Structures are given as structure tokens and as C-alpha cells.
Amino acid sequence: MLVAMAALTAFAAVPALADPPPWAHGLGVYNTDDEQGPASGRGVIAGSIVGVDYSDGAMVVATKSRRVQIQVTPSTSIFFGNHGYATLSDLARGSRVEVFVSQIDGRLVAQIIRIK
């Protein structure tokens, strides 16, 4: 017990390094007019949510030119703007979002969702 407490206190003095927010990485916005999909299987889709299937973990985002179905997984990080974390239940029809996606097995999978 004493060894475990000593180990915990040893790490308390080390500052935690955090990755900057996802929108600070400088990824370009995915051009949804490009029918070939995001380059290298990743990109960003911006638009409004037109539907959410909470039981299936999927949502449909309307961009300027089309509707895009995006899978939401348990590992997807969801943020309220710059204020903090959100959950799948916070995604609602009409919300403006920016979704960082990867293309996996031909489907777009959300890695990060930012609710604006």
C-alpha cells in the first residue's frame, strides 16, 4: 500500500502535456464536391445535422452540395465548440458541426465532432 501511494505521489509533480484542440492542427476542410472522397482516407466535413440514429451510432450531415452519412463510434471525441466534451445524445438535428473523418472500409467514420 505504501509503495502504491509513493508511486502516485511521484507522478503528481510532473505536469501533464496536452495535445492542442483538434481544430488547431491545421487540417484543411474536406471538399465535399470532390466525388473521390478525402485524400489519404481522411478529411473534414462541415455542415448541419439533418438526422441522428442514436441506436446505430450514425448521423447524416448536409453540406452545401449533398448529404453525407457518418458513423459515430464509442471512440469518437465530441466537443461543444471550444468549451468541452459532449456525448452522442448532444448531437441534434439542426446543429452545425465540423466532423474530422476517416474512410474505413468505404464508410466515413467520425474521429472528432465539433458542435458549433
C-alpha atoms as a PDB file:
ATOM      1  CA  MET A   1       0.000   0.000   0.000  1.00  0.00           C
ATOM      2  CA  LEU A   2       2.797   2.392   0.908  1.00  0.00           C
ATOM      3  CA  VAL A   3       4.632   1.670  -2.359  1.00  0.00           C
ATOM      4  CA  ALA A   4       1.463   2.386  -4.382  1.00  0.00           C
ATOM      5  CA  MET A   5       0.972   5.724  -2.636  1.00  0.00           C
ATOM      6  CA  ALA A   6       4.612   6.662  -3.233  1.00  0.00           C
ATOM      7  CA  ALA A   7       4.238   5.847  -6.916  1.00  0.00           C
ATOM      8  CA  LEU A   8       1.122   8.018  -7.196  1.00  0.00           C
ATOM      9  CA  THR A   9       2.714  10.997  -5.495  1.00  0.00           C
ATOM     10  CA  ALA A  10       5.826  10.728  -7.669  1.00  0.00           C
ATOM     11  CA  PHE A  11       3.737  11.469 -10.767  1.00  0.00           C
ATOM     12  CA  ALA A  12       1.793  14.305  -9.137  1.00  0.00           C
ATOM     13  CA  ALA A  13       4.689  16.745  -9.645  1.00  0.00           C
ATOM     14  CA  VAL A  14       5.015  16.030 -13.378  1.00  0.00           C
ATOM     15  CA  PRO A  15       2.996  18.481 -15.487  1.00  0.00           C
ATOM     16  CA  ALA A  16       0.568  16.924 -17.937  1.00  0.00           C
ATOM     17  CA  LEU A  17       1.201  17.697 -21.583  1.00  0.00           C
ATOM     18  CA  ALA A  18      -1.942  18.067 -23.635  1.00  0.00           C
ATOM     19  CA  ASP A  19      -2.399  17.929 -27.364  1.00  0.00           C
ATOM     20  CA  PRO A  20      -3.863  21.169 -28.743  1.00  0.00           C
ATOM     21  CA  PRO A  21      -7.531  21.053 -29.686  1.00  0.00           C
ATOM     22  CA  PRO A  22      -8.241  19.187 -32.928  1.00  0.00           C
ATOM     23  CA  TRP A  23      -9.130  22.337 -34.849  1.00  0.00           C
ATOM     24  CA  ALA A  24      -5.645  23.754 -34.115  1.00  0.00           C
ATOM     25  CA  HIS A  25      -3.872  21.109 -36.197  1.00  0.00           C
ATOM     26  CA  GLY A  26      -4.461  22.993 -39.449  1.00  0.00           C
ATOM     27  CA  LEU A  27      -6.230  20.225 -41.396  1.00  0.00           C
ATOM     28  CA  GLY A  28      -7.990  21.624 -44.417  1.00  0.00           C
ATOM     29  CA  VAL A  29     -11.741  21.315 -44.852  1.00  0.00           C
ATOM     30  CA  TYR A  30     -12.740  18.347 -46.991  1.00  0.00           C
ATOM     31  CA  ASN A  31     -14.145  19.491 -50.304  1.00  0.00           C
ATOM     32  CA  THR A  32     -17.467  17.652 -50.454  1.00  0.00           C
ATOM     33  CA  ASP A  33     -17.810  18.446 -54.166  1.00  0.00           C
ATOM     34  CA  ASP A  34     -14.899  16.093 -54.862  1.00  0.00           C
ATOM     35  CA  GLU A  35     -16.524  12.729 -55.564  1.00  0.00           C
ATOM     36  CA  GLN A  36     -13.280  10.841 -54.951  1.00  0.00           C
ATOM     37  CA  GLY A  37     -13.521  11.412 -51.192  1.00  0.00           C
ATOM     38  CA  PRO A  38     -10.990  12.748 -48.756  1.00  0.00           C
ATOM     39  CA  ALA A  39      -7.313  12.441 -49.651  1.00  0.00           C
ATOM     40  CA  SER A  40      -5.487   9.643 -47.812  1.00  0.00           C
ATOM     41  CA  GLY A  41      -8.768   8.479 -46.300  1.00  0.00           C
ATOM     42  CA  ARG A  42      -9.247  11.466 -44.005  1.00  0.00           C
ATOM     43  CA  GLY A  43     -10.637  14.974 -44.027  1.00  0.00           C
ATOM     44  CA  VAL A  44     -13.139  17.376 -42.514  1.00  0.00           C
ATOM     45  CA  ILE A  45     -16.830  17.688 -43.342  1.00  0.00           C
ATOM     46  CA  ALA A  46     -18.704  20.831 -42.278  1.00  0.00           C
ATOM     47  CA  GLY A  47     -22.482  21.238 -42.357  1.00  0.00           C
ATOM     48  CA  SER A  48     -25.726  20.814 -40.439  1.00  0.00           C
ATOM     49  CA  ILE A  49     -27.025  17.615 -38.878  1.00  0.00           C
ATOM     50  CA  VAL A  50     -30.221  16.502 -40.614  1.00  0.00           C
ATOM     51  CA  GLY A  51     -30.611  13.194 -38.787  1.00  0.00           C
ATOM     52  CA  VAL A  52     -29.149  11.117 -35.966  1.00  0.00           C
ATOM     53  CA  ASP A  53     -29.665   7.384 -35.388  1.00  0.00           C
ATOM     54  CA  TYR A  54     -28.725   7.028 -31.714  1.00  0.00           C
ATOM     55  CA  SER A  55     -29.192   3.241 -31.624  1.00  0.00           C
ATOM     56  CA  ASP A  56     -26.977   2.669 -34.680  1.00  0.00           C
ATOM     57  CA  GLY A  57     -24.435   5.389 -33.911  1.00  0.00           C
ATOM     58  CA  ALA A  58     -24.810   7.224 -37.209  1.00  0.00           C
ATOM     59  CA  MET A  59     -25.661  10.717 -38.356  1.00  0.00           C
ATOM     60  CA  VAL A  60     -26.364  12.478 -41.627  1.00  0.00           C
ATOM     61  CA  VAL A  61     -24.740  15.860 -42.261  1.00  0.00           C
ATOM     62  CA  ALA A  62     -25.982  18.190 -45.004  1.00  0.00           C
ATOM     63  CA  THR A  63     -23.206  20.119 -46.724  1.00  0.00           C
ATOM     64  CA  LYS A  64     -23.704  22.788 -49.374  1.00  0.00           C
ATOM     65  CA  SER A  65     -23.922  20.180 -52.122  1.00  0.00           C
ATOM     66  CA  ARG A  66     -25.062  16.862 -50.616  1.00  0.00           C
ATOM     67  CA  ARG A  67     -25.927  14.754 -47.583  1.00  0.00           C
ATOM     68  CA  VAL A  68     -23.201  12.603 -46.050  1.00  0.00           C
ATOM     69  CA  GLN A  69     -23.758   9.629 -43.734  1.00  0.00           C
ATOM     70  CA  ILE A  70     -21.126   9.394 -40.985  1.00  0.00           C
ATOM     71  CA  GLN A  71     -20.642   6.585 -38.481  1.00  0.00           C
ATOM     72  CA  VAL A  72     -20.076   7.617 -34.845  1.00  0.00           C
ATOM     73  CA  THR A  73     -18.118   5.131 -32.711  1.00  0.00           C
ATOM     74  CA  PRO A  74     -17.533   4.882 -28.946  1.00  0.00           C
ATOM     75  CA  SER A  75     -14.016   6.254 -29.524  1.00  0.00           C
ATOM     76  CA  THR A  76     -15.288   9.368 -31.358  1.00  0.00           C
ATOM     77  CA  SER A  77     -14.421  12.553 -29.430  1.00  0.00           C
ATOM     78  CA  ILE A  78     -17.288  15.060 -29.379  1.00  0.00           C
ATOM     79  CA  PHE A  79     -16.768  18.712 -28.350  1.00  0.00           C
ATOM     80  CA  PHE A  80     -19.081  21.706 -27.744  1.00  0.00           C
ATOM     81  CA  GLY A  81     -17.135  24.352 -29.664  1.00  0.00           C
ATOM     82  CA  ASN A  82     -14.108  25.286 -27.593  1.00  0.00           C
ATOM     83  CA  HIS A  83     -15.851  24.644 -24.256  1.00  0.00           C
ATOM     84  CA  GLY A  84     -15.571  20.938 -23.515  1.00  0.00           C
ATOM     85  CA  TYR A  85     -16.699  17.412 -24.178  1.00  0.00           C
ATOM     86  CA  ALA A  86     -20.154  16.316 -25.290  1.00  0.00           C
ATOM     87  CA  THR A  87     -21.828  12.948 -25.959  1.00  0.00           C
ATOM     88  CA  LEU A  88     -23.759  11.309 -28.785  1.00  0.00           C
ATOM     89  CA  SER A  89     -27.006  12.432 -27.141  1.00  0.00           C
ATOM     90  CA  ASP A  90     -25.901  16.075 -27.569  1.00  0.00           C
ATOM     91  CA  LEU A  91     -25.968  15.706 -31.361  1.00  0.00           C
ATOM     92  CA  ALA A  92     -29.291  17.083 -32.571  1.00  0.00           C
ATOM     93  CA  ARG A  93     -30.992  17.898 -35.846  1.00  0.00           C
ATOM     94  CA  GLY A  94     -30.117  21.412 -36.984  1.00  0.00           C
ATOM     95  CA  SER A  95     -26.801  21.616 -35.107  1.00  0.00           C
ATOM     96  CA  ARG A  96     -23.891  22.950 -37.141  1.00  0.00           C
ATOM     97  CA  VAL A  97     -20.911  20.615 -36.952  1.00  0.00           C
ATOM     98  CA  GLU A  98     -17.393  20.136 -38.170  1.00  0.00           C
ATOM     99  CA  VAL A  99     -16.521  16.434 -38.394  1.00  0.00           C
ATOM    100  CA  PHE A 100     -13.000  15.072 -38.714  1.00  0.00           C
ATOM    101  CA  VAL A 101     -13.458  11.763 -40.559  1.00  0.00           C
ATOM    102  CA  SER A 102     -11.506   8.738 -41.707  1.00  0.00           C
ATOM    103  CA  GLN A 103     -12.558   6.460 -44.503  1.00  0.00           C
ATOM    104  CA  ILE A 104     -12.663   2.879 -43.229  1.00  0.00           C
ATOM    105  CA  ASP A 105     -13.945   0.037 -45.435  1.00  0.00           C
ATOM    106  CA  GLY A 106     -15.617   2.555 -47.731  1.00  0.00           C
ATOM    107  CA  ARG A 107     -17.529   4.280 -44.905  1.00  0.00           C
ATOM    108  CA  LEU A 108     -16.872   7.641 -43.302  1.00  0.00           C
ATOM    109  CA  VAL A 109     -16.168   7.252 -39.576  1.00  0.00           C
ATOM    110  CA  ALA A 110     -16.098  10.267 -37.265  1.00  0.00           C
ATOM    111  CA  GLN A 111     -12.897  10.636 -35.281  1.00  0.00           C
ATOM    112  CA  ILE A 112     -13.734  14.074 -33.862  1.00  0.00           C
ATOM    113  CA  ILE A 113     -17.008  16.014 -33.930  1.00  0.00           C
ATOM    114  CA  ARG A 114     -17.067  19.714 -33.048  1.00  0.00           C
ATOM    115  CA  ILE A 115     -20.544  21.161 -32.413  1.00  0.00           C
ATOM    116  CA  LYS A 116     -20.545  24.864 -33.296  1.00  0.00           C
END
